[in-house]
PDB file of all heavy atoms in Angstrom:
ATOM      1  N   PRO A   1       0.829  -1.205   0.000  1.00  0.00           N
ATOM      2  CA  PRO A   1       0.000   0.000   0.000  1.00  0.00           C
ATOM      3  C   PRO A   1       0.863   1.254   0.000  1.00  0.00           C
ATOM      4  O   PRO A   1       1.958   1.271   0.543  1.00  0.00           O
ATOM      5  CB  PRO A   1      -0.793  -0.099   1.309  1.00  0.00           C
ATOM      6  CG  PRO A   1      -0.704  -1.526   1.720  1.00  0.00           C
ATOM      7  CD  PRO A   1       0.552  -2.068   1.123  1.00  0.00           C
ATOM      8  N   VAL A   2       0.345   2.316  -0.603  1.00  0.00           N
ATOM      9  CA  VAL A   2       1.110   3.548  -0.757  1.00  0.00           C
ATOM     10  C   VAL A   2       1.529   4.104   0.592  1.00  0.00           C
ATOM     11  O   VAL A   2       2.628   4.591   0.752  1.00  0.00           O
ATOM     12  CB  VAL A   2       0.277   4.589  -1.543  1.00  0.00           C
ATOM     13  CG1 VAL A   2       0.973   5.930  -1.577  1.00  0.00           C
ATOM     14  CG2 VAL A   2       0.019   4.088  -2.943  1.00  0.00           C
ATOM     15  N   THR A   3       0.679   4.011   1.599  1.00  0.00           N
ATOM     16  CA  THR A   3       1.009   4.590   2.898  1.00  0.00           C
ATOM     17  C   THR A   3       2.082   3.800   3.620  1.00  0.00           C
ATOM     18  O   THR A   3       2.688   4.306   4.539  1.00  0.00           O
ATOM     19  CB  THR A   3      -0.245   4.660   3.789  1.00  0.00           C
ATOM     20  OG1 THR A   3      -0.773   3.350   3.930  1.00  0.00           O
ATOM     21  CG2 THR A   3      -1.272   5.594   3.203  1.00  0.00           C
ATOM     22  N   ALA A   4       2.333   2.558   3.209  1.00  0.00           N
ATOM     23  CA  ALA A   4       3.323   1.743   3.907  1.00  0.00           C
ATOM     24  C   ALA A   4       4.667   1.730   3.194  1.00  0.00           C
ATOM     25  O   ALA A   4       5.588   1.102   3.661  1.00  0.00           O
ATOM     26  CB  ALA A   4       2.800   0.317   4.054  1.00  0.00           C
ATOM     27  N   GLN A   5       4.806   2.379   2.049  1.00  0.00           N
ATOM     28  CA  GLN A   5       6.061   2.374   1.334  1.00  0.00           C
ATOM     29  C   GLN A   5       7.079   3.249   2.050  1.00  0.00           C
ATOM     30  O   GLN A   5       6.730   4.234   2.706  1.00  0.00           O
ATOM     31  CB  GLN A   5       5.887   2.892  -0.097  1.00  0.00           C
ATOM     32  CG  GLN A   5       5.140   1.921  -0.980  1.00  0.00           C
ATOM     33  CD  GLN A   5       4.990   2.460  -2.387  1.00  0.00           C
ATOM     34  OE1 GLN A   5       5.245   3.620  -2.636  1.00  0.00           O
ATOM     35  NE2 GLN A   5       4.555   1.603  -3.291  1.00  0.00           N
ATOM     36  N   ALA A   6       8.330   2.870   1.922  1.00  0.00           N
ATOM     37  CA  ALA A   6       9.395   3.626   2.552  1.00  0.00           C
ATOM     38  C   ALA A   6       9.498   5.007   1.926  1.00  0.00           C
ATOM     39  O   ALA A   6       9.430   5.154   0.710  1.00  0.00           O
ATOM     40  CB  ALA A   6      10.717   2.883   2.411  1.00  0.00           C
ATOM     41  N   GLY A   7       9.646   6.017   2.750  1.00  0.00           N
ATOM     42  CA  GLY A   7       9.826   7.374   2.265  1.00  0.00           C
ATOM     43  C   GLY A   7       8.535   8.123   1.981  1.00  0.00           C
ATOM     44  O   GLY A   7       8.560   9.294   1.661  1.00  0.00           O
ATOM     45  N   VAL A   8       7.386   7.471   2.087  1.00  0.00           N
ATOM     46  CA  VAL A   8       6.111   8.138   1.841  1.00  0.00           C
ATOM     47  C   VAL A   8       5.427   8.333   3.190  1.00  0.00           C
ATOM     48  O   VAL A   8       5.104   7.360   3.864  1.00  0.00           O
ATOM     49  CB  VAL A   8       5.207   7.303   0.902  1.00  0.00           C
ATOM     50  CG1 VAL A   8       3.854   7.975   0.721  1.00  0.00           C
ATOM     51  CG2 VAL A   8       5.888   7.095  -0.425  1.00  0.00           C
ATOM     52  N   PRO A   9       5.207   9.580   3.602  1.00  0.00           N
ATOM     53  CA  PRO A   9       4.580   9.801   4.905  1.00  0.00           C
ATOM     54  C   PRO A   9       3.099   9.446   4.867  1.00  0.00           C
ATOM     55  O   PRO A   9       2.477   9.446   3.803  1.00  0.00           O
ATOM     56  CB  PRO A   9       4.775  11.298   5.145  1.00  0.00           C
ATOM     57  CG  PRO A   9       4.885  11.881   3.784  1.00  0.00           C
ATOM     58  CD  PRO A   9       5.547  10.826   2.939  1.00  0.00           C
ATOM     59  N   PRO A  10       2.520   9.141   6.010  1.00  0.00           N
ATOM     60  CA  PRO A  10       1.074   8.862   6.033  1.00  0.00           C
ATOM     61  C   PRO A  10       0.310  10.138   5.714  1.00  0.00           C
ATOM     62  O   PRO A  10       0.834  11.239   5.827  1.00  0.00           O
ATOM     63  CB  PRO A  10       0.817   8.407   7.481  1.00  0.00           C
ATOM     64  CG  PRO A  10       1.958   8.944   8.270  1.00  0.00           C
ATOM     65  CD  PRO A  10       3.127   9.021   7.323  1.00  0.00           C
ATOM     66  N   PRO A  11      -0.941  10.021   5.300  1.00  0.00           N
ATOM     67  CA  PRO A  11      -1.721  11.213   4.964  1.00  0.00           C
ATOM     68  C   PRO A  11      -1.842  12.141   6.169  1.00  0.00           C
ATOM     69  O   PRO A  11      -1.975  11.694   7.298  1.00  0.00           O
ATOM     70  CB  PRO A  11      -3.083  10.670   4.540  1.00  0.00           C
ATOM     71  CG  PRO A  11      -3.076   9.220   4.804  1.00  0.00           C
ATOM     72  CD  PRO A  11      -1.700   8.798   5.147  1.00  0.00           C
ATOM     73  N   ALA A  12      -1.791  13.445   5.894  1.00  0.00           N
ATOM     74  CA  ALA A  12      -1.860  14.435   6.968  1.00  0.00           C
ATOM     75  C   ALA A  12      -3.296  14.671   7.388  1.00  0.00           C
ATOM     76  O   ALA A  12      -4.226  14.435   6.635  1.00  0.00           O
ATOM     77  CB  ALA A  12      -1.239  15.742   6.486  1.00  0.00           C
ATOM     78  N   GLY A  13      -3.475  15.150   8.603  1.00  0.00           N
ATOM     79  CA  GLY A  13      -4.794  15.508   9.097  1.00  0.00           C
ATOM     80  C   GLY A  13      -5.435  14.382   9.867  1.00  0.00           C
ATOM     81  O   GLY A  13      -4.978  13.240   9.847  1.00  0.00           O
ATOM     82  N   PRO A  14      -6.518  14.696  10.563  1.00  0.00           N
ATOM     83  CA  PRO A  14      -7.204  13.673  11.346  1.00  0.00           C
ATOM     84  C   PRO A  14      -7.948  12.709  10.443  1.00  0.00           C
ATOM     85  O   PRO A  14      -8.269  13.011   9.302  1.00  0.00           O
ATOM     86  CB  PRO A  14      -8.176  14.480  12.203  1.00  0.00           C
ATOM     87  CG  PRO A  14      -8.421  15.721  11.413  1.00  0.00           C
ATOM     88  CD  PRO A  14      -7.123  16.004  10.693  1.00  0.00           C
ATOM     89  N   ALA A  15      -8.181  11.532  10.982  1.00  0.00           N
ATOM     90  CA  ALA A  15      -8.926  10.525  10.233  1.00  0.00           C
ATOM     91  C   ALA A  15     -10.368  11.001  10.068  1.00  0.00           C
ATOM     92  O   ALA A  15     -10.906  11.685  10.937  1.00  0.00           O
ATOM     93  CB  ALA A  15      -8.887   9.196  10.967  1.00  0.00           C
ATOM     94  N   PRO A  16     -11.002  10.662   8.962  1.00  0.00           N
ATOM     95  CA  PRO A  16     -12.393  11.070   8.789  1.00  0.00           C
ATOM     96  C   PRO A  16     -13.264  10.399   9.840  1.00  0.00           C
ATOM     97  O   PRO A  16     -12.985   9.271  10.252  1.00  0.00           O
ATOM     98  CB  PRO A  16     -12.739  10.593   7.375  1.00  0.00           C
ATOM     99  CG  PRO A  16     -11.732   9.557   7.055  1.00  0.00           C
ATOM    100  CD  PRO A  16     -10.505   9.891   7.842  1.00  0.00           C
ATOM    101  N   PRO A  17     -14.304  11.086  10.308  1.00  0.00           N
ATOM    102  CA  PRO A  17     -15.141  10.492  11.346  1.00  0.00           C
ATOM    103  C   PRO A  17     -15.891   9.292  10.808  1.00  0.00           C
ATOM    104  O   PRO A  17     -16.222   9.214   9.631  1.00  0.00           O
ATOM    105  CB  PRO A  17     -16.103  11.621  11.723  1.00  0.00           C
ATOM    106  CG  PRO A  17     -16.123  12.507  10.536  1.00  0.00           C
ATOM    107  CD  PRO A  17     -14.763  12.387   9.905  1.00  0.00           C
ATOM    108  N   GLY A  18     -16.144   8.350  11.694  1.00  0.00           N
ATOM    109  CA  GLY A  18     -16.889   7.163  11.325  1.00  0.00           C
ATOM    110  C   GLY A  18     -18.361   7.476  11.181  1.00  0.00           C
ATOM    111  O   GLY A  18     -18.795   8.622  11.312  1.00  0.00           O
ATOM    112  N   PRO A  19     -19.167   6.460  10.909  1.00  0.00           N
ATOM    113  CA  PRO A  19     -20.593   6.711  10.730  1.00  0.00           C
ATOM    114  C   PRO A  19     -21.268   7.216  12.006  1.00  0.00           C
ATOM    115  O   PRO A  19     -22.252   7.922  11.944  1.00  0.00           O
ATOM    116  CB  PRO A  19     -21.147   5.356  10.307  1.00  0.00           C
ATOM    117  CG  PRO A  19     -20.115   4.362  10.672  1.00  0.00           C
ATOM    118  CD  PRO A  19     -18.808   5.075  10.711  1.00  0.00           C
ATOM    119  N   LEU A  20     -20.722   6.871  13.172  1.00  0.00           N
ATOM    120  CA  LEU A  20     -21.273   7.366  14.437  1.00  0.00           C
ATOM    121  C   LEU A  20     -20.158   8.037  15.216  1.00  0.00           C
ATOM    122  O   LEU A  20     -19.535   7.451  16.083  1.00  0.00           O
ATOM    123  CB  LEU A  20     -21.881   6.226  15.247  1.00  0.00           C
ATOM    124  CG  LEU A  20     -23.171   5.637  14.706  1.00  0.00           C
ATOM    125  CD1 LEU A  20     -23.622   4.464  15.542  1.00  0.00           C
ATOM    126  CD2 LEU A  20     -24.262   6.674  14.657  1.00  0.00           C
ATOM    127  N   ALA A  21     -19.871   9.283  14.901  1.00  0.00           N
ATOM    128  CA  ALA A  21     -18.832  10.036  15.590  1.00  0.00           C
ATOM    129  C   ALA A  21     -19.311  10.400  16.991  1.00  0.00           C
ATOM    130  O   ALA A  21     -20.481  10.269  17.325  1.00  0.00           O
ATOM    131  CB  ALA A  21     -18.485  11.291  14.795  1.00  0.00           C
ATOM    132  N   ALA A  22     -18.399  10.866  17.831  1.00  0.00           N
ATOM    133  CA  ALA A  22     -18.705  11.131  19.234  1.00  0.00           C
ATOM    134  C   ALA A  22     -19.819  12.158  19.402  1.00  0.00           C
ATOM    135  O   ALA A  22     -20.603  12.075  20.329  1.00  0.00           O
ATOM    136  CB  ALA A  22     -17.447  11.600  19.949  1.00  0.00           C
ATOM    137  N   GLY A  23     -19.940  13.133  18.538  1.00  0.00           N
ATOM    138  CA  GLY A  23     -20.965  14.160  18.677  1.00  0.00           C
ATOM    139  C   GLY A  23     -22.287  13.818  18.016  1.00  0.00           C
ATOM    140  O   GLY A  23     -23.212  14.618  18.033  1.00  0.00           O
ATOM    141  N   ASP A  24     -22.396  12.646  17.424  1.00  0.00           N
ATOM    142  CA  ASP A  24     -23.604  12.268  16.693  1.00  0.00           C
ATOM    143  C   ASP A  24     -24.732  11.957  17.674  1.00  0.00           C
ATOM    144  O   ASP A  24     -24.564  11.151  18.584  1.00  0.00           O
ATOM    145  CB  ASP A  24     -23.318  11.042  15.822  1.00  0.00           C
ATOM    146  CG  ASP A  24     -24.393  10.775  14.803  1.00  0.00           C
ATOM    147  OD1 ASP A  24     -25.462  11.401  14.888  1.00  0.00           O
ATOM    148  OD2 ASP A  24     -24.155   9.943  13.912  1.00  0.00           O
ATOM    149  N   PRO A  25     -25.918  12.582  17.526  1.00  0.00           N
ATOM    150  CA  PRO A  25     -27.011  12.296  18.457  1.00  0.00           C
ATOM    151  C   PRO A  25     -27.536  10.872  18.349  1.00  0.00           C
ATOM    152  O   PRO A  25     -28.142  10.363  19.287  1.00  0.00           O
ATOM    153  CB  PRO A  25     -28.088  13.311  18.066  1.00  0.00           C
ATOM    154  CG  PRO A  25     -27.744  13.761  16.705  1.00  0.00           C
ATOM    155  CD  PRO A  25     -26.259  13.600  16.557  1.00  0.00           C
ATOM    156  N   ARG A  26     -27.288  10.205  17.227  1.00  0.00           N
ATOM    157  CA  ARG A  26     -27.755   8.816  17.086  1.00  0.00           C
ATOM    158  C   ARG A  26     -26.963   7.853  17.948  1.00  0.00           C
ATOM    159  O   ARG A  26     -27.423   6.741  18.217  1.00  0.00           O
ATOM    160  CB  ARG A  26     -27.660   8.377  15.625  1.00  0.00           C
ATOM    161  CG  ARG A  26     -28.560   9.165  14.711  1.00  0.00           C
ATOM    162  CD  ARG A  26     -28.355   8.764  13.278  1.00  0.00           C
ATOM    163  NE  ARG A  26     -26.975   9.060  12.892  1.00  0.00           N
ATOM    164  CZ  ARG A  26     -26.411   8.616  11.784  1.00  0.00           C
ATOM    165  NH1 ARG A  26     -27.087   7.872  10.962  1.00  0.00           N
ATOM    166  NH2 ARG A  26     -25.171   8.936  11.494  1.00  0.00           N
ATOM    167  N   LEU A  27     -25.771   8.255  18.386  1.00  0.00           N
ATOM    168  CA  LEU A  27     -24.929   7.377  19.195  1.00  0.00           C
ATOM    169  C   LEU A  27     -25.644   6.977  20.475  1.00  0.00           C
ATOM    170  O   LEU A  27     -25.585   5.820  20.896  1.00  0.00           O
ATOM    171  CB  LEU A  27     -23.600   8.066  19.501  1.00  0.00           C
ATOM    172  CG  LEU A  27     -22.570   7.254  20.257  1.00  0.00           C
ATOM    173  CD1 LEU A  27     -22.175   6.033  19.436  1.00  0.00           C
ATOM    174  CD2 LEU A  27     -21.348   8.087  20.551  1.00  0.00           C
ATOM    175  N   ARG A  28     -26.342   7.917  21.095  1.00  0.00           N
ATOM    176  CA  ARG A  28     -27.069   7.621  22.331  1.00  0.00           C
ATOM    177  C   ARG A  28     -28.175   6.591  22.065  1.00  0.00           C
ATOM    178  O   ARG A  28     -28.389   5.675  22.850  1.00  0.00           O
ATOM    179  CB  ARG A  28     -27.657   8.917  22.873  1.00  0.00           C
ATOM    180  CG  ARG A  28     -28.365   8.767  24.191  1.00  0.00           C
ATOM    181  CD  ARG A  28     -28.824  10.115  24.691  1.00  0.00           C
ATOM    182  NE  ARG A  28     -29.436  10.875  23.620  1.00  0.00           N
ATOM    183  CZ  ARG A  28     -30.661  11.373  23.665  1.00  0.00           C
ATOM    184  NH1 ARG A  28     -31.387  11.233  24.736  1.00  0.00           N
ATOM    185  NH2 ARG A  28     -31.148  12.040  22.641  1.00  0.00           N
ATOM    186  N   TRP A  29     -28.889   6.734  20.943  1.00  0.00           N
ATOM    187  CA  TRP A  29     -29.951   5.785  20.610  1.00  0.00           C
ATOM    188  C   TRP A  29     -29.389   4.397  20.373  1.00  0.00           C
ATOM    189  O   TRP A  29     -29.949   3.401  20.825  1.00  0.00           O
ATOM    190  CB  TRP A  29     -30.709   6.245  19.377  1.00  0.00           C
ATOM    191  CG  TRP A  29     -31.494   7.505  19.551  1.00  0.00           C
ATOM    192  CD1 TRP A  29     -31.683   8.216  20.707  1.00  0.00           C
ATOM    193  CD2 TRP A  29     -32.191   8.203  18.544  1.00  0.00           C
ATOM    194  NE1 TRP A  29     -32.448   9.311  20.466  1.00  0.00           N
ATOM    195  CE2 TRP A  29     -32.780   9.338  19.149  1.00  0.00           C
ATOM    196  CE3 TRP A  29     -32.368   7.993  17.199  1.00  0.00           C
ATOM    197  CZ2 TRP A  29     -33.542  10.245  18.436  1.00  0.00           C
ATOM    198  CZ3 TRP A  29     -33.128   8.902  16.499  1.00  0.00           C
ATOM    199  CH2 TRP A  29     -33.712  10.010  17.110  1.00  0.00           C
ATOM    200  N   TRP A  30     -28.288   4.323  19.630  1.00  0.00           N
ATOM    201  CA  TRP A  30     -27.699   3.009  19.354  1.00  0.00           C
ATOM    202  C   TRP A  30     -27.153   2.368  20.622  1.00  0.00           C
ATOM    203  O   TRP A  30     -27.243   1.153  20.799  1.00  0.00           O
ATOM    204  CB  TRP A  30     -26.611   3.117  18.294  1.00  0.00           C
ATOM    205  CG  TRP A  30     -27.182   3.204  16.920  1.00  0.00           C
ATOM    206  CD1 TRP A  30     -27.247   4.301  16.122  1.00  0.00           C
ATOM    207  CD2 TRP A  30     -27.803   2.148  16.177  1.00  0.00           C
ATOM    208  NE1 TRP A  30     -27.871   3.994  14.934  1.00  0.00           N
ATOM    209  CE2 TRP A  30     -28.216   2.681  14.939  1.00  0.00           C
ATOM    210  CE3 TRP A  30     -28.053   0.808  16.436  1.00  0.00           C
ATOM    211  CZ2 TRP A  30     -28.864   1.919  13.974  1.00  0.00           C
ATOM    212  CZ3 TRP A  30     -28.689   0.051  15.464  1.00  0.00           C
ATOM    213  CH2 TRP A  30     -29.088   0.603  14.255  1.00  0.00           C
ATOM    214  N   ALA A  31     -26.579   3.157  21.531  1.00  0.00           N
ATOM    215  CA  ALA A  31     -26.085   2.609  22.795  1.00  0.00           C
ATOM    216  C   ALA A  31     -27.253   2.088  23.628  1.00  0.00           C
ATOM    217  O   ALA A  31     -27.163   1.001  24.227  1.00  0.00           O
ATOM    218  CB  ALA A  31     -25.311   3.680  23.560  1.00  0.00           C
ATOM    219  N   ARG A  32     -28.349   2.821  23.653  1.00  0.00           N
ATOM    220  CA  ARG A  32     -29.534   2.381  24.398  1.00  0.00           C
ATOM    221  C   ARG A  32     -30.095   1.096  23.800  1.00  0.00           C
ATOM    222  O   ARG A  32     -30.401   0.143  24.515  1.00  0.00           O
ATOM    223  CB  ARG A  32     -30.592   3.486  24.360  1.00  0.00           C
ATOM    224  CG  ARG A  32     -31.872   3.135  25.077  1.00  0.00           C
ATOM    225  CD  ARG A  32     -32.839   4.335  25.010  1.00  0.00           C
ATOM    226  NE  ARG A  32     -34.078   4.040  25.665  1.00  0.00           N
ATOM    227  CZ  ARG A  32     -35.147   3.564  25.038  1.00  0.00           C
ATOM    228  NH1 ARG A  32     -35.104   3.360  23.742  1.00  0.00           N
ATOM    229  NH2 ARG A  32     -36.249   3.319  25.701  1.00  0.00           N
ATOM    230  N   ARG A  33     -30.208   1.065  22.478  1.00  0.00           N
ATOM    231  CA  ARG A  33     -30.740  -0.112  21.805  1.00  0.00           C
ATOM    232  C   ARG A  33     -29.838  -1.325  22.024  1.00  0.00           C
ATOM    233  O   ARG A  33     -30.308  -2.440  22.262  1.00  0.00           O
ATOM    234  CB  ARG A  33     -30.882   0.174  20.313  1.00  0.00           C
ATOM    235  CG  ARG A  33     -31.574  -0.907  19.536  1.00  0.00           C
ATOM    236  CD  ARG A  33     -31.918  -0.432  18.150  1.00  0.00           C
ATOM    237  NE  ARG A  33     -32.887   0.657  18.257  1.00  0.00           N
ATOM    238  CZ  ARG A  33     -32.957   1.662  17.406  1.00  0.00           C
ATOM    239  NH1 ARG A  33     -32.147   1.732  16.393  1.00  0.00           N
ATOM    240  NH2 ARG A  33     -33.866   2.610  17.556  1.00  0.00           N
ATOM    241  N   GLY A  34     -28.517  -1.125  21.955  1.00  0.00           N
ATOM    242  CA  GLY A  34     -27.585  -2.220  22.202  1.00  0.00           C
ATOM    243  C   GLY A  34     -27.647  -2.717  23.635  1.00  0.00           C
ATOM    244  O   GLY A  34     -27.541  -3.922  23.894  1.00  0.00           O
ATOM    245  N   GLY A  35     -27.817  -1.791  24.586  1.00  0.00           N
ATOM    246  CA  GLY A  35     -27.935  -2.191  25.985  1.00  0.00           C
ATOM    247  C   GLY A  35     -29.184  -3.012  26.237  1.00  0.00           C
ATOM    248  O   GLY A  35     -29.150  -4.022  26.946  1.00  0.00           O
TER     249      GLY A  35
END
């Protein structure tokens, strides 16, 4: 993979948020439903 080649730095910046990021209001619903 390009990011693992010698001499090529990993992409800059934070990773893109997942489908349920920490500030997502649906996270509380999914946690409740999972519980």
